[in-house]
N, C-alpha and C. Protein backbone atom coordinates (compact mmCIF):
# COMPACT_ATOMS: atom_id res chain seq x y z
N MET A 1 -28.87 105.30 -8.35
CA MET A 1 -28.77 104.74 -6.89
C MET A 1 -28.33 103.46 -6.90
N ASP A 2 -26.94 103.09 -6.84
CA ASP A 2 -26.57 101.89 -6.79
C ASP A 2 -25.92 101.47 -5.43
N LEU A 3 -25.77 100.00 -5.35
CA LEU A 3 -25.11 99.50 -4.35
C LEU A 3 -23.98 98.45 -5.03
N ILE A 4 -22.86 98.78 -4.76
CA ILE A 4 -21.88 98.16 -5.46
C ILE A 4 -21.15 97.13 -4.30
N VAL A 5 -21.29 96.04 -4.37
CA VAL A 5 -20.71 95.05 -3.02
C VAL A 5 -19.28 94.33 -3.70
N ILE A 6 -18.35 94.57 -2.97
CA ILE A 6 -16.88 94.12 -3.45
C ILE A 6 -16.73 92.82 -2.30
N MET A 7 -16.93 91.77 -2.72
CA MET A 7 -16.88 90.55 -1.99
C MET A 7 -15.66 89.72 -2.13
N GLY A 8 -15.35 89.04 -1.20
CA GLY A 8 -14.12 87.92 -1.30
C GLY A 8 -13.30 87.96 -0.12
N PRO A 9 -12.38 86.92 0.04
CA PRO A 9 -11.86 86.39 1.24
C PRO A 9 -11.11 87.48 1.86
N GLN A 10 -10.69 87.38 3.25
CA GLN A 10 -9.96 88.28 3.93
C GLN A 10 -8.55 88.42 3.02
N ALA A 11 -8.15 89.90 3.13
CA ALA A 11 -6.77 90.27 2.54
C ALA A 11 -6.83 90.10 0.90
N VAL A 12 -7.80 90.15 0.25
CA VAL A 12 -7.90 89.63 -1.10
C VAL A 12 -7.83 91.22 -1.89
N GLY A 13 -8.15 92.30 -0.88
CA GLY A 13 -7.97 93.61 -1.80
C GLY A 13 -9.29 94.40 -1.81
N LYS A 14 -10.22 93.99 -1.20
CA LYS A 14 -11.47 94.71 -1.35
C LYS A 14 -11.53 96.13 -0.96
N MET A 15 -10.85 96.32 0.28
CA MET A 15 -10.92 97.77 0.63
C MET A 15 -9.93 98.70 -0.39
N THR A 16 -8.87 98.06 -0.71
CA THR A 16 -8.01 98.73 -1.73
C THR A 16 -8.61 99.12 -3.02
N VAL A 17 -9.26 98.09 -3.57
CA VAL A 17 -9.99 98.25 -4.81
C VAL A 17 -11.14 99.34 -4.63
N GLY A 18 -11.80 99.21 -3.34
CA GLY A 18 -12.85 100.05 -3.30
C GLY A 18 -12.39 101.57 -3.27
N ARG A 19 -11.41 101.81 -2.50
CA ARG A 19 -10.73 103.16 -2.49
C ARG A 19 -10.31 103.65 -4.02
N GLU A 20 -10.01 102.64 -4.71
CA GLU A 20 -9.63 103.28 -6.10
C GLU A 20 -11.09 103.49 -7.05
N LEU A 21 -11.81 102.55 -6.66
CA LEU A 21 -13.23 102.74 -7.24
C LEU A 21 -13.87 103.99 -6.95
N GLU A 22 -13.66 104.57 -5.57
CA GLU A 22 -14.20 105.93 -5.39
C GLU A 22 -13.80 106.98 -6.26
N LYS A 23 -12.49 106.74 -6.80
CA LYS A 23 -11.92 107.90 -7.84
C LYS A 23 -12.57 108.04 -8.95
N LYS A 24 -13.30 106.72 -9.51
CA LYS A 24 -13.43 106.42 -10.85
C LYS A 24 -15.27 106.58 -11.01
N ILE A 25 -15.77 106.52 -10.00
CA ILE A 25 -17.46 106.59 -10.15
C ILE A 25 -17.77 107.51 -8.84
N GLU A 26 -19.23 108.10 -9.04
CA GLU A 26 -19.61 108.79 -7.86
C GLU A 26 -20.37 107.90 -7.19
N ALA A 27 -19.51 107.61 -5.91
CA ALA A 27 -19.79 106.67 -4.89
C ALA A 27 -18.88 106.78 -3.60
N LYS A 28 -19.16 106.43 -2.45
CA LYS A 28 -18.43 106.68 -1.20
C LYS A 28 -18.44 105.01 -0.75
N LEU A 29 -17.28 104.78 -0.23
CA LEU A 29 -16.86 103.41 0.39
C LEU A 29 -17.19 103.25 1.80
N LEU A 30 -17.86 102.14 2.23
CA LEU A 30 -17.99 101.60 3.51
C LEU A 30 -17.53 100.29 3.51
N HIS A 31 -16.09 100.29 4.02
CA HIS A 31 -15.64 99.02 4.16
C HIS A 31 -15.97 98.34 5.43
N ASN A 32 -16.12 96.94 5.45
CA ASN A 32 -16.81 96.15 6.40
C ASN A 32 -16.22 96.35 8.01
N HIS A 33 -14.86 96.80 8.01
CA HIS A 33 -14.55 96.99 9.21
C HIS A 33 -14.87 98.40 9.79
N GLU A 34 -15.35 99.34 9.21
CA GLU A 34 -16.01 100.62 9.66
C GLU A 34 -17.15 100.31 10.80
N THR A 35 -17.81 99.28 10.26
CA THR A 35 -18.99 99.14 11.31
C THR A 35 -18.74 98.12 12.34
N ILE A 36 -17.59 96.95 11.99
CA ILE A 36 -17.36 96.21 13.02
C ILE A 36 -16.61 96.76 14.22
N ASP A 37 -15.55 97.23 13.71
CA ASP A 37 -14.71 97.92 14.57
C ASP A 37 -15.20 98.97 15.43
N LEU A 38 -16.24 99.68 15.25
CA LEU A 38 -17.20 100.66 15.93
C LEU A 38 -17.53 99.82 17.17
N PHE A 39 -18.01 98.73 16.99
CA PHE A 39 -18.73 97.82 18.06
C PHE A 39 -17.98 97.04 18.89
N ALA A 40 -17.04 96.76 18.11
CA ALA A 40 -15.89 95.86 18.74
C ALA A 40 -15.08 96.56 19.92
N LYS A 41 -14.92 98.05 19.60
CA LYS A 41 -14.20 98.67 20.41
C LYS A 41 -14.85 98.63 21.85
N PHE A 42 -16.10 98.53 22.00
CA PHE A 42 -16.74 98.46 23.21
C PHE A 42 -17.12 96.90 23.72
N LEU A 43 -17.44 96.08 22.76
CA LEU A 43 -18.00 94.79 23.00
C LEU A 43 -17.13 93.57 22.58
N GLY A 44 -15.95 93.86 21.91
CA GLY A 44 -15.00 92.92 21.45
C GLY A 44 -15.46 92.34 20.19
N TYR A 45 -14.74 91.32 19.84
CA TYR A 45 -15.17 90.79 18.44
C TYR A 45 -16.03 89.27 18.48
N GLY A 46 -17.38 89.47 19.27
CA GLY A 46 -18.15 88.35 19.44
C GLY A 46 -19.55 88.80 18.67
N LYS A 47 -20.45 87.78 18.96
CA LYS A 47 -21.71 87.70 18.03
C LYS A 47 -22.50 89.00 18.03
N GLU A 48 -22.56 89.55 19.14
CA GLU A 48 -23.26 90.84 19.27
C GLU A 48 -22.74 92.03 18.43
N THR A 49 -21.31 91.94 18.59
CA THR A 49 -20.88 92.91 17.55
C THR A 49 -21.15 92.85 16.08
N PHE A 50 -21.24 91.55 15.62
CA PHE A 50 -21.46 91.35 14.28
C PHE A 50 -23.00 91.27 13.84
N ARG A 51 -23.66 91.17 15.11
CA ARG A 51 -25.26 91.43 14.73
C ARG A 51 -25.47 93.17 14.85
N LEU A 52 -24.91 93.68 15.52
CA LEU A 52 -25.14 95.01 15.62
C LEU A 52 -24.56 95.73 14.38
N SER A 53 -23.50 95.14 13.86
CA SER A 53 -22.68 95.84 12.57
C SER A 53 -23.63 95.56 11.49
N ASP A 54 -24.23 94.41 11.20
CA ASP A 54 -25.06 93.87 10.12
C ASP A 54 -26.34 95.02 10.10
N GLN A 55 -26.94 94.93 11.50
CA GLN A 55 -28.02 95.78 11.52
C GLN A 55 -27.95 97.27 11.08
N THR A 56 -26.42 97.63 11.57
CA THR A 56 -26.21 98.98 11.27
C THR A 56 -26.25 99.29 9.95
N ARG A 57 -25.66 98.49 9.09
CA ARG A 57 -25.47 98.46 7.51
C ARG A 57 -26.75 98.45 6.91
N LYS A 58 -27.88 97.63 7.32
CA LYS A 58 -28.99 97.43 6.61
C LYS A 58 -29.76 98.96 6.86
N GLU A 59 -29.65 99.32 8.25
CA GLU A 59 -30.36 100.53 8.34
C GLU A 59 -29.94 101.73 7.28
N LEU A 60 -28.70 101.74 7.49
CA LEU A 60 -27.72 102.81 6.36
C LEU A 60 -28.30 102.40 5.03
N PHE A 61 -28.53 101.35 4.41
CA PHE A 61 -28.68 101.26 3.28
C PHE A 61 -30.41 101.63 2.89
N LYS A 62 -31.02 101.35 4.14
CA LYS A 62 -32.38 101.70 3.78
C LYS A 62 -32.54 103.12 3.80
N ALA A 63 -32.00 103.77 4.66
CA ALA A 63 -31.98 105.46 4.86
C ALA A 63 -31.60 105.77 3.43
N PHE A 64 -30.42 105.41 2.97
CA PHE A 64 -29.84 105.85 1.68
C PHE A 64 -30.96 105.94 0.57
N VAL A 65 -31.57 104.79 0.45
CA VAL A 65 -32.36 104.32 -0.55
C VAL A 65 -33.80 105.22 -0.60
N SER A 66 -34.04 105.58 0.84
CA SER A 66 -35.35 106.39 0.88
C SER A 66 -34.98 108.06 0.91
N ASN A 67 -33.85 108.27 1.24
CA ASN A 67 -33.41 109.71 1.35
C ASN A 67 -33.32 110.27 -0.05
N LYS A 68 -33.80 111.36 -0.24
CA LYS A 68 -33.77 112.05 -1.60
C LYS A 68 -32.39 113.05 -1.87
N GLN A 69 -31.81 113.30 -0.74
CA GLN A 69 -30.61 114.17 -0.96
C GLN A 69 -29.50 113.70 -0.38
N ASN A 70 -28.82 112.44 -0.74
CA ASN A 70 -27.68 111.92 -0.49
C ASN A 70 -26.59 112.70 -0.92
N VAL A 71 -25.41 112.54 -0.47
CA VAL A 71 -24.21 113.15 -0.64
C VAL A 71 -23.33 112.43 -1.79
N THR A 72 -23.87 111.21 -2.26
CA THR A 72 -23.27 110.33 -3.30
C THR A 72 -24.52 109.47 -3.82
N GLU A 73 -24.16 109.37 -5.16
CA GLU A 73 -25.19 108.61 -5.85
C GLU A 73 -25.05 107.02 -5.43
N SER A 74 -24.03 106.41 -5.04
CA SER A 74 -23.88 104.85 -4.89
C SER A 74 -23.04 104.68 -3.69
N ILE A 75 -23.30 103.36 -2.99
CA ILE A 75 -22.26 102.96 -1.90
C ILE A 75 -21.58 101.84 -2.45
N ILE A 76 -20.44 101.90 -1.88
CA ILE A 76 -19.65 100.61 -2.27
C ILE A 76 -19.45 100.08 -1.12
N PHE A 77 -19.68 98.78 -1.04
CA PHE A 77 -19.51 98.17 0.20
C PHE A 77 -18.79 96.72 0.16
N THR A 78 -17.74 96.61 1.11
CA THR A 78 -17.09 95.53 1.17
C THR A 78 -17.29 94.47 1.96
N VAL A 79 -17.29 93.22 1.86
CA VAL A 79 -17.61 92.31 2.90
C VAL A 79 -17.03 90.97 2.60
N VAL A 80 -16.70 90.20 3.34
CA VAL A 80 -16.37 88.74 3.40
C VAL A 80 -17.81 87.82 3.34
N VAL A 81 -17.74 86.95 2.49
CA VAL A 81 -18.86 86.04 2.28
C VAL A 81 -18.49 84.58 2.29
N ALA A 82 -19.14 84.06 3.10
CA ALA A 82 -18.79 82.48 3.38
C ALA A 82 -19.90 81.81 2.55
N PHE A 83 -19.84 81.33 1.21
CA PHE A 83 -20.77 80.79 0.36
C PHE A 83 -21.23 79.39 0.77
N ASP A 84 -20.76 78.94 1.90
CA ASP A 84 -21.09 77.62 2.68
C ASP A 84 -22.05 78.04 3.66
N LEU A 85 -22.49 79.08 3.80
CA LEU A 85 -23.15 79.76 5.02
C LEU A 85 -24.59 80.38 4.52
N ILE A 86 -25.81 79.70 4.66
CA ILE A 86 -26.87 80.32 4.09
C ILE A 86 -27.01 81.68 4.79
N GLU A 87 -26.81 82.01 5.98
CA GLU A 87 -27.18 83.26 6.62
C GLU A 87 -26.39 84.53 5.73
N ASP A 88 -25.01 83.97 5.27
CA ASP A 88 -24.30 85.06 4.32
C ASP A 88 -25.15 85.26 3.00
N ILE A 89 -25.73 84.38 2.67
CA ILE A 89 -26.28 84.43 1.23
C ILE A 89 -27.58 85.33 1.36
N ASP A 90 -28.25 84.82 2.48
CA ASP A 90 -29.27 85.70 2.90
C ASP A 90 -29.35 87.00 3.22
N PHE A 91 -28.02 87.32 3.95
CA PHE A 91 -27.53 88.93 4.02
C PHE A 91 -27.45 89.53 2.53
N LEU A 92 -26.73 88.81 1.78
CA LEU A 92 -26.66 89.71 0.46
C LEU A 92 -27.79 89.75 -0.43
N THR A 93 -28.74 88.93 -0.08
CA THR A 93 -30.11 88.84 -0.79
C THR A 93 -30.72 90.16 -0.19
N GLU A 94 -30.84 90.13 1.13
CA GLU A 94 -31.58 91.28 1.65
C GLU A 94 -30.99 92.60 1.54
N ILE A 95 -29.68 92.97 1.41
CA ILE A 95 -29.32 94.12 1.01
C ILE A 95 -29.40 94.41 -0.31
N SER A 96 -29.27 93.57 -1.25
CA SER A 96 -29.59 93.59 -2.77
C SER A 96 -31.16 93.88 -2.94
N GLU A 97 -31.76 93.47 -1.98
CA GLU A 97 -33.54 93.62 -2.38
C GLU A 97 -33.67 95.17 -1.84
N ILE A 98 -33.06 95.83 -0.72
CA ILE A 98 -33.10 97.02 -0.33
C ILE A 98 -33.05 98.06 -1.54
N PHE A 99 -31.95 97.79 -2.29
CA PHE A 99 -31.61 98.57 -3.47
C PHE A 99 -32.56 98.49 -4.43
N LEU A 100 -33.04 97.17 -4.74
CA LEU A 100 -33.82 96.76 -6.05
C LEU A 100 -35.27 97.29 -5.74
N GLU A 101 -35.76 97.13 -4.55
CA GLU A 101 -37.05 97.57 -4.04
C GLU A 101 -37.29 99.04 -4.38
N GLY A 102 -36.01 99.95 -4.10
CA GLY A 102 -36.04 101.21 -4.29
C GLY A 102 -35.55 101.75 -5.66
N GLN A 103 -35.78 100.75 -6.62
CA GLN A 103 -35.41 101.02 -8.11
C GLN A 103 -34.04 101.38 -8.28
N GLY A 104 -33.01 100.97 -7.46
CA GLY A 104 -31.58 100.92 -7.69
C GLY A 104 -31.23 99.84 -8.26
N ARG A 105 -30.01 100.08 -8.60
CA ARG A 105 -29.21 98.85 -9.15
C ARG A 105 -28.31 98.21 -8.23
N VAL A 106 -28.09 97.01 -8.29
CA VAL A 106 -27.02 95.99 -7.35
C VAL A 106 -25.96 95.56 -8.17
N PHE A 107 -24.65 95.67 -7.97
CA PHE A 107 -23.49 95.06 -8.52
C PHE A 107 -22.69 94.18 -7.63
N LEU A 108 -22.78 93.08 -7.63
CA LEU A 108 -21.92 92.10 -6.69
C LEU A 108 -20.62 91.67 -7.52
N ILE A 109 -19.54 92.40 -7.05
CA ILE A 109 -18.12 91.99 -7.50
C ILE A 109 -17.46 91.09 -6.71
N GLU A 110 -17.03 90.07 -7.22
CA GLU A 110 -16.27 88.90 -6.38
C GLU A 110 -14.92 89.20 -6.82
N LEU A 111 -13.78 89.46 -5.91
CA LEU A 111 -12.61 89.18 -6.13
C LEU A 111 -11.87 87.88 -5.39
N GLU A 112 -10.95 87.34 -6.12
CA GLU A 112 -10.45 86.31 -5.77
C GLU A 112 -8.79 86.34 -6.11
N ALA A 113 -8.06 85.65 -5.22
CA ALA A 113 -6.55 85.74 -5.08
C ALA A 113 -6.13 84.43 -4.59
N ASP A 114 -4.82 84.00 -4.71
CA ASP A 114 -4.24 82.85 -4.22
C ASP A 114 -3.93 83.13 -2.84
N LEU A 115 -3.73 81.93 -2.04
CA LEU A 115 -3.66 82.20 -0.58
C LEU A 115 -2.25 83.02 -0.48
N GLU A 116 -1.16 82.63 -1.05
CA GLU A 116 0.09 83.24 -0.98
C GLU A 116 -0.01 84.94 -1.05
N THR A 117 -0.66 85.29 -2.01
CA THR A 117 -1.01 86.75 -2.18
C THR A 117 -1.78 87.17 -1.10
N ARG A 118 -2.81 86.53 -0.75
CA ARG A 118 -3.52 87.16 0.48
C ARG A 118 -2.90 87.18 1.78
N LEU A 119 -1.71 86.43 1.91
CA LEU A 119 -1.16 86.22 3.09
C LEU A 119 -0.14 87.54 3.19
N GLN A 120 0.28 87.89 2.00
CA GLN A 120 1.31 89.05 1.68
C GLN A 120 0.41 90.32 2.00
N ARG A 121 -0.59 90.28 1.38
CA ARG A 121 -1.64 91.78 1.48
C ARG A 121 -1.99 91.73 2.82
N ASN A 122 -2.28 90.75 3.61
CA ASN A 122 -2.73 90.68 4.83
C ASN A 122 -1.89 91.59 6.05
N ILE A 123 -0.60 91.86 5.80
CA ILE A 123 0.26 92.62 6.36
C ILE A 123 0.70 94.10 5.84
N GLY A 124 -0.10 94.42 4.70
CA GLY A 124 0.02 95.75 4.05
C GLY A 124 -0.26 96.68 4.91
N GLU A 125 0.46 97.74 4.69
CA GLU A 125 0.46 99.12 5.58
C GLU A 125 -0.97 99.80 5.48
N SER A 126 -1.50 99.94 4.49
CA SER A 126 -3.05 100.58 4.32
C SER A 126 -4.00 99.61 5.00
N ARG A 127 -3.61 98.27 5.09
CA ARG A 127 -4.70 97.33 5.65
C ARG A 127 -4.84 97.75 7.07
N LEU A 128 -3.48 97.55 7.80
CA LEU A 128 -3.15 97.63 9.04
C LEU A 128 -3.65 99.17 9.54
N GLU A 129 -3.32 99.96 8.86
CA GLU A 129 -3.80 101.47 9.25
C GLU A 129 -5.23 101.59 9.37
N ALA A 130 -5.85 101.03 8.53
CA ALA A 130 -7.48 101.11 8.39
C ALA A 130 -8.46 100.17 9.13
N LYS A 131 -7.56 98.93 9.72
CA LYS A 131 -8.28 98.03 10.32
C LYS A 131 -7.59 97.56 11.63
N PRO A 132 -7.96 98.23 12.84
CA PRO A 132 -7.16 97.89 14.14
C PRO A 132 -7.13 96.55 14.53
N SER A 133 -8.26 95.58 14.01
CA SER A 133 -8.17 94.15 14.39
C SER A 133 -6.97 93.37 13.70
N LYS A 134 -6.61 93.97 12.77
CA LYS A 134 -5.67 93.30 11.90
C LYS A 134 -4.09 93.67 12.35
N ARG A 135 -3.90 94.27 13.16
CA ARG A 135 -2.60 94.92 13.55
C ARG A 135 -2.17 93.69 14.32
N ASN A 136 -2.69 92.81 15.01
CA ASN A 136 -2.21 91.76 15.85
C ASN A 136 -1.83 90.75 14.57
N ILE A 137 -0.63 90.74 14.24
CA ILE A 137 -0.26 89.99 12.83
C ILE A 137 -0.57 88.37 13.06
N GLU A 138 -0.17 87.95 14.17
CA GLU A 138 -0.22 86.53 14.45
C GLU A 138 -1.65 86.16 14.50
N PHE A 139 -2.55 86.81 15.29
CA PHE A 139 -3.95 86.67 15.27
C PHE A 139 -4.60 86.75 13.74
N SER A 140 -4.31 87.87 12.95
CA SER A 140 -4.85 88.07 11.82
C SER A 140 -4.43 86.90 10.93
N ARG A 141 -3.18 86.46 10.94
CA ARG A 141 -2.73 85.42 10.02
C ARG A 141 -3.58 84.20 10.27
N ASN A 142 -3.62 83.61 11.64
CA ASN A 142 -4.23 82.68 11.96
C ASN A 142 -5.68 82.67 11.62
N ASP A 143 -6.39 83.96 11.67
CA ASP A 143 -7.71 83.87 11.28
C ASP A 143 -8.05 83.91 9.94
N LEU A 144 -7.15 84.43 9.08
CA LEU A 144 -7.13 84.24 7.52
C LEU A 144 -7.03 82.88 7.48
N LEU A 145 -5.96 82.01 7.79
CA LEU A 145 -5.73 80.72 7.61
C LEU A 145 -6.90 79.70 8.12
N THR A 146 -7.54 79.87 9.15
CA THR A 146 -8.57 79.17 9.56
C THR A 146 -9.65 79.43 8.80
N THR A 147 -10.35 80.58 8.64
CA THR A 147 -11.41 80.82 7.66
C THR A 147 -11.26 80.25 6.30
N HIS A 148 -10.06 80.35 5.94
CA HIS A 148 -9.92 79.56 4.60
C HIS A 148 -10.02 78.27 4.42
N GLU A 149 -9.77 77.65 5.58
CA GLU A 149 -9.79 76.17 5.69
C GLU A 149 -11.31 75.58 6.25
N LYS A 150 -11.93 76.59 7.01
CA LYS A 150 -13.23 76.17 7.31
C LYS A 150 -14.41 76.68 6.38
N HIS A 151 -14.39 77.49 5.55
CA HIS A 151 -15.38 78.26 4.73
C HIS A 151 -15.11 78.33 3.21
N ARG A 152 -16.06 78.34 2.50
CA ARG A 152 -15.71 78.29 1.10
C ARG A 152 -16.06 79.95 0.59
N LEU A 153 -15.00 80.75 0.41
CA LEU A 153 -14.93 82.26 0.38
C LEU A 153 -15.09 82.58 -1.03
N ASN A 154 -14.98 81.89 -1.90
CA ASN A 154 -15.33 82.07 -3.36
C ASN A 154 -16.38 81.19 -3.86
N SER A 155 -17.18 82.01 -4.74
CA SER A 155 -18.43 80.98 -5.29
C SER A 155 -17.81 80.12 -6.34
N LEU A 156 -18.69 79.25 -6.61
CA LEU A 156 -18.63 78.19 -7.56
C LEU A 156 -19.53 79.06 -8.86
N PRO A 157 -19.00 78.30 -9.94
CA PRO A 157 -19.54 78.85 -11.31
C PRO A 157 -21.24 79.17 -11.24
N ASN A 158 -21.57 80.03 -11.63
CA ASN A 158 -23.07 80.45 -11.78
C ASN A 158 -23.81 80.43 -10.37
N GLU A 159 -23.18 80.35 -9.23
CA GLU A 159 -23.81 80.18 -8.13
C GLU A 159 -24.46 81.58 -7.45
N VAL A 160 -23.78 82.71 -7.79
CA VAL A 160 -24.35 84.07 -7.27
C VAL A 160 -25.50 84.42 -8.02
N THR A 161 -25.39 84.14 -9.31
CA THR A 161 -26.54 84.55 -10.22
C THR A 161 -27.94 83.61 -9.94
N GLU A 162 -27.36 82.45 -9.69
CA GLU A 162 -28.77 81.53 -9.43
C GLU A 162 -29.31 81.69 -7.92
N LYS A 163 -28.41 82.36 -6.91
CA LYS A 163 -29.18 82.47 -5.58
C LYS A 163 -29.52 83.85 -5.60
N ILE A 164 -29.10 84.75 -6.17
CA ILE A 164 -29.44 86.19 -6.03
C ILE A 164 -29.94 86.75 -7.31
N LYS A 165 -31.09 86.98 -7.40
CA LYS A 165 -31.81 87.31 -8.74
C LYS A 165 -31.60 88.77 -8.83
N GLN A 166 -31.49 89.37 -10.33
CA GLN A 166 -31.73 90.80 -10.76
C GLN A 166 -30.31 91.66 -10.18
N VAL A 167 -29.34 90.95 -10.03
CA VAL A 167 -28.24 91.59 -9.78
C VAL A 167 -27.25 91.37 -10.99
N ASN A 168 -26.36 92.53 -10.95
CA ASN A 168 -25.07 92.39 -12.08
C ASN A 168 -23.96 91.71 -11.39
N TYR A 169 -23.46 90.84 -11.77
CA TYR A 169 -22.28 90.14 -11.39
C TYR A 169 -20.98 90.03 -12.04
N LEU A 170 -20.01 90.38 -11.47
CA LEU A 170 -18.44 90.20 -12.09
C LEU A 170 -17.63 89.43 -11.17
N LYS A 171 -16.79 88.56 -11.57
CA LYS A 171 -15.79 87.89 -10.95
C LYS A 171 -14.48 88.20 -11.45
N ILE A 172 -13.43 88.86 -10.73
CA ILE A 172 -12.06 89.09 -10.97
C ILE A 172 -11.17 88.27 -10.25
N ASP A 173 -10.20 87.63 -10.87
CA ASP A 173 -9.09 87.26 -10.27
C ASP A 173 -8.05 88.37 -10.17
N ASN A 174 -7.65 88.79 -9.01
CA ASN A 174 -6.78 89.89 -8.92
C ASN A 174 -5.56 89.64 -8.18
N THR A 175 -5.18 88.29 -8.38
CA THR A 175 -3.94 88.01 -7.72
C THR A 175 -2.65 88.78 -8.38
N HIS A 176 -2.73 88.98 -9.76
CA HIS A 176 -1.54 89.54 -10.32
C HIS A 176 -1.96 91.02 -10.92
N LEU A 177 -3.24 91.47 -10.46
CA LEU A 177 -3.67 92.88 -11.06
C LEU A 177 -3.45 94.12 -9.78
N GLU A 178 -3.12 95.18 -10.27
CA GLU A 178 -3.09 96.43 -9.39
C GLU A 178 -4.49 96.79 -9.06
N ALA A 179 -4.67 97.53 -7.97
CA ALA A 179 -6.15 97.77 -7.67
C ALA A 179 -6.69 98.65 -8.67
N GLU A 180 -5.91 99.68 -9.13
CA GLU A 180 -6.32 100.59 -10.15
C GLU A 180 -6.99 99.88 -11.29
N LYS A 181 -6.35 98.95 -11.70
CA LYS A 181 -6.66 98.15 -13.04
C LYS A 181 -7.86 97.25 -12.64
N VAL A 182 -8.20 96.85 -11.38
CA VAL A 182 -9.28 96.22 -11.09
C VAL A 182 -10.43 97.29 -10.98
N ALA A 183 -10.08 98.30 -10.26
CA ALA A 183 -11.19 99.44 -10.12
C ALA A 183 -11.77 99.86 -11.61
N SER A 184 -10.90 100.03 -12.45
CA SER A 184 -11.18 100.55 -13.85
C SER A 184 -12.14 99.39 -14.54
N ARG A 185 -11.91 98.13 -14.32
CA ARG A 185 -12.84 97.10 -14.85
C ARG A 185 -14.10 97.10 -14.45
N ILE A 186 -14.20 97.26 -12.91
CA ILE A 186 -15.42 97.46 -12.18
C ILE A 186 -16.30 98.76 -12.76
N ALA A 187 -15.63 99.81 -12.89
CA ALA A 187 -16.13 100.92 -13.31
C ALA A 187 -16.64 100.92 -14.61
N GLU A 188 -16.08 100.28 -15.41
CA GLU A 188 -16.50 100.02 -16.82
C GLU A 188 -17.55 99.03 -16.88
N PHE A 189 -17.62 97.93 -16.06
CA PHE A 189 -19.03 97.06 -15.82
C PHE A 189 -20.04 97.95 -15.41
N VAL A 190 -19.87 98.93 -14.31
CA VAL A 190 -20.92 99.43 -14.04
C VAL A 190 -21.78 100.36 -14.90
N GLN A 191 -20.72 101.03 -15.62
CA GLN A 191 -21.26 102.00 -16.84
C GLN A 191 -21.81 101.31 -17.95
N ASN A 192 -21.60 100.09 -18.01
CA ASN A 192 -22.17 99.25 -19.20
C ASN A 192 -23.29 98.52 -19.07
N ASN A 193 -23.67 98.41 -17.50
CA ASN A 193 -24.98 97.83 -17.28
C ASN A 193 -25.98 98.64 -16.72
N GLY A 194 -26.12 99.66 -17.30
CA GLY A 194 -27.07 100.49 -16.66
C GLY A 194 -28.27 100.69 -17.16
């Protein structure tokens, strides 16, 4: 029973890599907008939407760990992490502990890509299809640029393993890598750290 968190800035390719990873290991993907957009449909993209989204994710993870008849062995979860915000580190720690306390494994996979690549990926067809909030291209681009300026969306050297204990960590620069290649590296990493 594994939790595989694919984290990185907006439009780095988390969902696309997660979809490819689903083909390579026994796991199901939960991309971050599946819970966010559920509540935003009724509440908009405010504080309450993000609170309910985080709460729902944690409850799903707890149920997954305690349930003995899951339909998959592992969950692939994608999320944007602002490493300069203690609440984001606390969230990562909390969801990791859910799996670790249930005798599961946790893999934190960090993707990074340059800003130009991310801006191109931000308007990709599969992204727009899966994430209704990204279909307003101007808003989505401005949100990406604002968040890029305001927060540190990739970790510093050794930061993740120093702050979050007992996890397996891998960082990949996927600026010039196809999603399938990135997923293959992650699958190999998961298999070799069992």
